C-alpha atoms as a PDB file:
ATOM      1  CA  UNK A   1      -0.171  -0.164   0.059  1.00  0.00           C
ATOM      2  CA  UNK A   2       1.379   3.294  -0.814  1.00  0.00           C
ATOM      3  CA  UNK A   3       2.346   5.750   1.815  1.00  0.00           C
ATOM      4  CA  UNK A   4      -0.591   8.810   2.295  1.00  0.00           C
ATOM      5  CA  UNK A   5       0.031  11.875   0.629  1.00  0.00           C
ATOM      6  CA  UNK A   6      -1.072  13.810   3.913  1.00  0.00           C
ATOM      7  CA  UNK A   7       1.208  13.069   6.967  1.00  0.00           C
ATOM      8  CA  UNK A   8      -1.056  10.903   9.214  1.00  0.00           C
ATOM      9  CA  UNK A   9      -0.159  12.835  12.415  1.00  0.00           C
ATOM     10  CA  UNK A  10      -1.921  15.667  10.634  1.00  0.00           C
ATOM     11  CA  UNK A  11      -5.160  13.282  10.239  1.00  0.00           C
ATOM     12  CA  UNK A  12      -4.720  12.186  14.178  1.00  0.00           C
ATOM     13  CA  UNK A  13      -4.876  15.633  15.485  1.00  0.00           C
ATOM     14  CA  UNK A  14      -8.657  15.230  14.924  1.00  0.00           C
ATOM     15  CA  UNK A  15      -9.043  12.340  17.100  1.00  0.00           C
ATOM     16  CA  UNK A  16      -7.392  13.992  20.066  1.00  0.00           C
ATOM     17  CA  UNK A  17     -10.290  16.179  21.863  1.00  0.00           C
ATOM     18  CA  UNK A  18     -13.989  15.078  20.671  1.00  0.00           C
ATOM     19  CA  UNK A  19     -15.096  17.976  22.481  1.00  0.00           C
ATOM     20  CA  UNK A  20     -12.743  20.241  20.160  1.00  0.00           C
ATOM     21  CA  UNK A  21     -13.303  18.604  17.045  1.00  0.00           C
ATOM     22  CA  UNK A  22     -10.471  19.464  14.126  1.00  0.00           C
ATOM     23  CA  UNK A  23     -11.367  19.244  10.084  1.00  0.00           C
ATOM     24  CA  UNK A  24      -8.975  17.238   8.297  1.00  0.00           C
ATOM     25  CA  UNK A  25      -6.349  19.211   6.139  1.00  0.00           C
ATOM     26  CA  UNK A  26      -8.126  20.325   2.944  1.00  0.00           C
ATOM     27  CA  UNK A  27      -6.567  18.143   0.712  1.00  0.00           C
ATOM     28  CA  UNK A  28      -8.111  15.355   2.343  1.00  0.00           C
ATOM     29  CA  UNK A  29     -11.276  16.781   0.653  1.00  0.00           C
ATOM     30  CA  UNK A  30      -9.956  17.455  -2.603  1.00  0.00           C
ATOM     31  CA  UNK A  31      -6.756  15.511  -3.388  1.00  0.00           C
ATOM     32  CA  UNK A  32      -7.012  12.729  -6.197  1.00  0.00           C
ATOM     33  CA  UNK A  33      -3.854  11.204  -4.398  1.00  0.00           C
ATOM     34  CA  UNK A  34      -5.388  10.911  -1.115  1.00  0.00           C
ATOM     35  CA  UNK A  35      -8.467   9.570  -2.529  1.00  0.00           C
ATOM     36  CA  UNK A  36      -6.880   6.771  -4.035  1.00  0.00           C
ATOM     37  CA  UNK A  37      -5.046   5.897  -0.834  1.00  0.00           C
ATOM     38  CA  UNK A  38      -8.240   6.273   1.149  1.00  0.00           C
ATOM     39  CA  UNK A  39      -9.689   3.782  -1.186  1.00  0.00           C
ATOM     40  CA  UNK A  40      -6.865   1.213  -0.862  1.00  0.00           C
ATOM     41  CA  UNK A  41      -6.150   2.004   2.766  1.00  0.00           C
ATOM     42  CA  UNK A  42      -9.862   1.658   4.092  1.00  0.00           C
ATOM     43  CA  UNK A  43     -12.644   0.752   1.342  1.00  0.00           C
ATOM     44  CA  UNK A  44     -10.783  -1.962  -0.320  1.00  0.00           C
ATOM     45  CA  UNK A  45      -9.660  -3.611   3.362  1.00  0.00           C
ATOM     46  CA  UNK A  46     -12.507  -3.160   5.593  1.00  0.00           C
ATOM     47  CA  UNK A  47     -16.077  -4.914   6.072  1.00  0.00           C
ATOM     48  CA  UNK A  48     -18.533  -2.185   4.300  1.00  0.00           C
ATOM     49  CA  UNK A  49     -22.552  -2.615   5.192  1.00  0.00           C
ATOM     50  CA  UNK A  50     -23.852  -3.701   1.431  1.00  0.00           C
ATOM     51  CA  UNK A  51     -27.691  -3.684   3.270  1.00  0.00           C
ATOM     52  CA  UNK A  52     -29.925  -5.616   5.044  1.00  0.00           C
ATOM     53  CA  UNK A  53     -31.007  -9.204   4.696  1.00  0.00           C
ATOM     54  CA  UNK A  54     -34.666  -8.100   4.508  1.00  0.00           C
ATOM     55  CA  UNK A  55     -33.752  -6.848   1.170  1.00  0.00           C
ATOM     56  CA  UNK A  56     -33.325 -10.367  -0.216  1.00  0.00           C
ATOM     57  CA  UNK A  57     -35.967 -12.604   1.694  1.00  0.00           C
ATOM     58  CA  UNK A  58     -36.048 -15.341  -0.930  1.00  0.00           C
ATOM     59  CA  UNK A  59     -33.809 -17.524  -2.931  1.00  0.00           C
ATOM     60  CA  UNK A  60     -32.746 -15.773  -5.974  1.00  0.00           C
ATOM     61  CA  UNK A  61     -33.414 -12.119  -4.940  1.00  0.00           C
ATOM     62  CA  UNK A  62     -30.788  -9.679  -5.722  1.00  0.00           C
ATOM     63  CA  UNK A  63     -29.502  -6.139  -5.159  1.00  0.00           C
ATOM     64  CA  UNK A  64     -26.757  -4.385  -6.701  1.00  0.00           C
ATOM     65  CA  UNK A  65     -24.276  -1.733  -5.037  1.00  0.00           C
ATOM     66  CA  UNK A  66     -21.143  -0.492  -6.071  1.00  0.00           C
ATOM     67  CA  UNK A  67     -17.934   0.089  -3.174  1.00  0.00           C
ATOM     68  CA  UNK A  68     -15.140   1.977  -3.971  1.00  0.00           C
ATOM     69  CA  UNK A  69     -15.792   1.975  -8.016  1.00  0.00           C
ATOM     70  CA  UNK A  70     -16.585  -1.708  -8.154  1.00  0.00           C
ATOM     71  CA  UNK A  71     -19.763  -2.994  -9.190  1.00  0.00           C
ATOM     72  CA  UNK A  72     -21.483  -5.687  -6.486  1.00  0.00           C
ATOM     73  CA  UNK A  73     -24.440  -8.157  -6.622  1.00  0.00           C
ATOM     74  CA  UNK A  74     -25.598  -9.403  -3.328  1.00  0.00           C
ATOM     75  CA  UNK A  75     -27.741 -12.587  -3.647  1.00  0.00           C
ATOM     76  CA  UNK A  76     -29.489 -14.925  -1.753  1.00  0.00           C
ATOM     77  CA  UNK A  77     -28.789 -18.290  -3.158  1.00  0.00           C
ATOM     78  CA  UNK A  78     -30.820 -21.218  -3.704  1.00  0.00           C
ATOM     79  CA  UNK A  79     -29.396 -22.824  -0.037  1.00  0.00           C
ATOM     80  CA  UNK A  80     -30.270 -19.765   1.942  1.00  0.00           C
ATOM     81  CA  UNK A  81     -27.086 -18.251   1.773  1.00  0.00           C
ATOM     82  CA  UNK A  82     -26.221 -14.403   0.833  1.00  0.00           C
ATOM     83  CA  UNK A  83     -23.084 -13.826  -1.122  1.00  0.00           C
ATOM     84  CA  UNK A  84     -21.338 -10.922  -2.564  1.00  0.00           C
ATOM     85  CA  UNK A  85     -19.356 -11.071  -5.812  1.00  0.00           C
ATOM     86  CA  UNK A  86     -18.243  -8.680  -8.529  1.00  0.00           C
ATOM     87  CA  UNK A  87     -21.423  -8.006 -11.070  1.00  0.00           C
ATOM     88  CA  UNK A  88     -18.961  -8.008 -13.819  1.00  0.00           C
ATOM     89  CA  UNK A  89     -18.718 -10.917 -16.183  1.00  0.00           C
ATOM     90  CA  UNK A  90     -14.951 -12.289 -16.149  1.00  0.00           C
ATOM     91  CA  UNK A  91     -15.053 -13.385 -19.739  1.00  0.00           C
ATOM     92  CA  UNK A  92     -16.962 -10.290 -21.545  1.00  0.00           C
ATOM     93  CA  UNK A  93     -16.494  -7.315 -18.686  1.00  0.00           C
ATOM     94  CA  UNK A  94     -20.390  -6.783 -19.074  1.00  0.00           C
ATOM     95  CA  UNK A  95     -22.712  -6.015 -16.201  1.00  0.00           C
ATOM     96  CA  UNK A  96     -24.432  -9.614 -15.142  1.00  0.00           C
ATOM     97  CA  UNK A  97     -27.098  -7.467 -13.573  1.00  0.00           C
ATOM     98  CA  UNK A  98     -28.014  -4.033 -11.410  1.00  0.00           C
ATOM     99  CA  UNK A  99     -30.552  -3.043  -9.649  1.00  0.00           C
ATOM    100  CA  UNK A 100     -32.688  -5.548  -7.725  1.00  0.00           C
ATOM    101  CA  UNK A 101     -35.221  -8.155  -8.172  1.00  0.00           C
ATOM    102  CA  UNK A 102     -35.524 -11.800  -8.131  1.00  0.00           C
ATOM    103  CA  UNK A 103     -33.397 -14.219 -10.672  1.00  0.00           C
ATOM    104  CA  UNK A 104     -34.962 -16.341 -13.345  1.00  0.00           C
ATOM    105  CA  UNK A 105     -34.136 -20.052 -13.343  1.00  0.00           C
ATOM    106  CA  UNK A 106     -30.543 -20.572 -12.801  1.00  0.00           C
ATOM    107  CA  UNK A 107     -30.150 -22.817 -16.014  1.00  0.00           C
ATOM    108  CA  UNK A 108     -30.721 -19.663 -18.084  1.00  0.00           C
ATOM    109  CA  UNK A 109     -27.007 -18.810 -17.442  1.00  0.00           C
ATOM    110  CA  UNK A 110     -25.179 -18.795 -20.310  1.00  0.00           C
ATOM    111  CA  UNK A 111     -21.420 -18.210 -19.651  1.00  0.00           C
ATOM    112  CA  UNK A 112     -19.145 -19.646 -16.785  1.00  0.00           C
ATOM    113  CA  UNK A 113     -19.688 -16.141 -15.095  1.00  0.00           C
ATOM    114  CA  UNK A 114     -22.891 -16.555 -15.406  1.00  0.00           C
ATOM    115  CA  UNK A 115     -23.232 -19.576 -13.802  1.00  0.00           C
ATOM    116  CA  UNK A 116     -21.607 -18.813 -10.734  1.00  0.00           C
ATOM    117  CA  UNK A 117     -23.975 -16.127 -10.324  1.00  0.00           C
ATOM    118  CA  UNK A 118     -26.862 -18.286 -11.101  1.00  0.00           C
ATOM    119  CA  UNK A 119     -25.531 -20.827  -8.213  1.00  0.00           C
ATOM    120  CA  UNK A 120     -25.734 -17.763  -5.862  1.00  0.00           C
ATOM    121  CA  UNK A 121     -29.405 -17.470  -7.326  1.00  0.00           C
ATOM    122  CA  UNK A 122     -29.218 -14.791 -10.078  1.00  0.00           C
ATOM    123  CA  UNK A 123     -28.737 -15.597 -13.560  1.00  0.00           C
ATOM    124  CA  UNK A 124     -27.977 -13.963 -16.597  1.00  0.00           C
ATOM    125  CA  UNK A 125     -30.626 -13.729 -19.626  1.00  0.00           C
ATOM    126  CA  UNK A 126     -29.523 -16.432 -22.430  1.00  0.00           C
ATOM    127  CA  UNK A 127     -29.318 -14.794 -25.994  1.00  0.00           C
ATOM    128  CA  UNK A 128     -31.355 -16.479 -28.693  1.00  0.00           C
ATOM    129  CA  UNK A 129     -29.459 -18.827 -30.705  1.00  0.00           C
ATOM    130  CA  UNK A 130     -28.760 -17.010 -33.821  1.00  0.00           C
END
């Protein structure tokens, strides 16, 4: 991981006394380099709340989110387990699904990536044969 473009001691000053809050240095809000550092140091390393279980109550239910610029699908599989995965097909680089809804039958998945999503309860649409 790259070093912070803002010395970390400047950021730690904001934690010293909760009754005397301090703002971060201005570049923490505007620097592309600090934004990249923050994405790597926090958003790609820590657990992130994606949603609530009540949003996907039944097998096949799904919703999409974006975390740190990456599109993700959160799905409830046929086994009842909840899984989060990339929403981008590894082979074609296209979104497998977005928004929210209930998946069609898993057997309709045309690609390996689609079958992976289908196993988790969400499937891609099959193109009619040409």
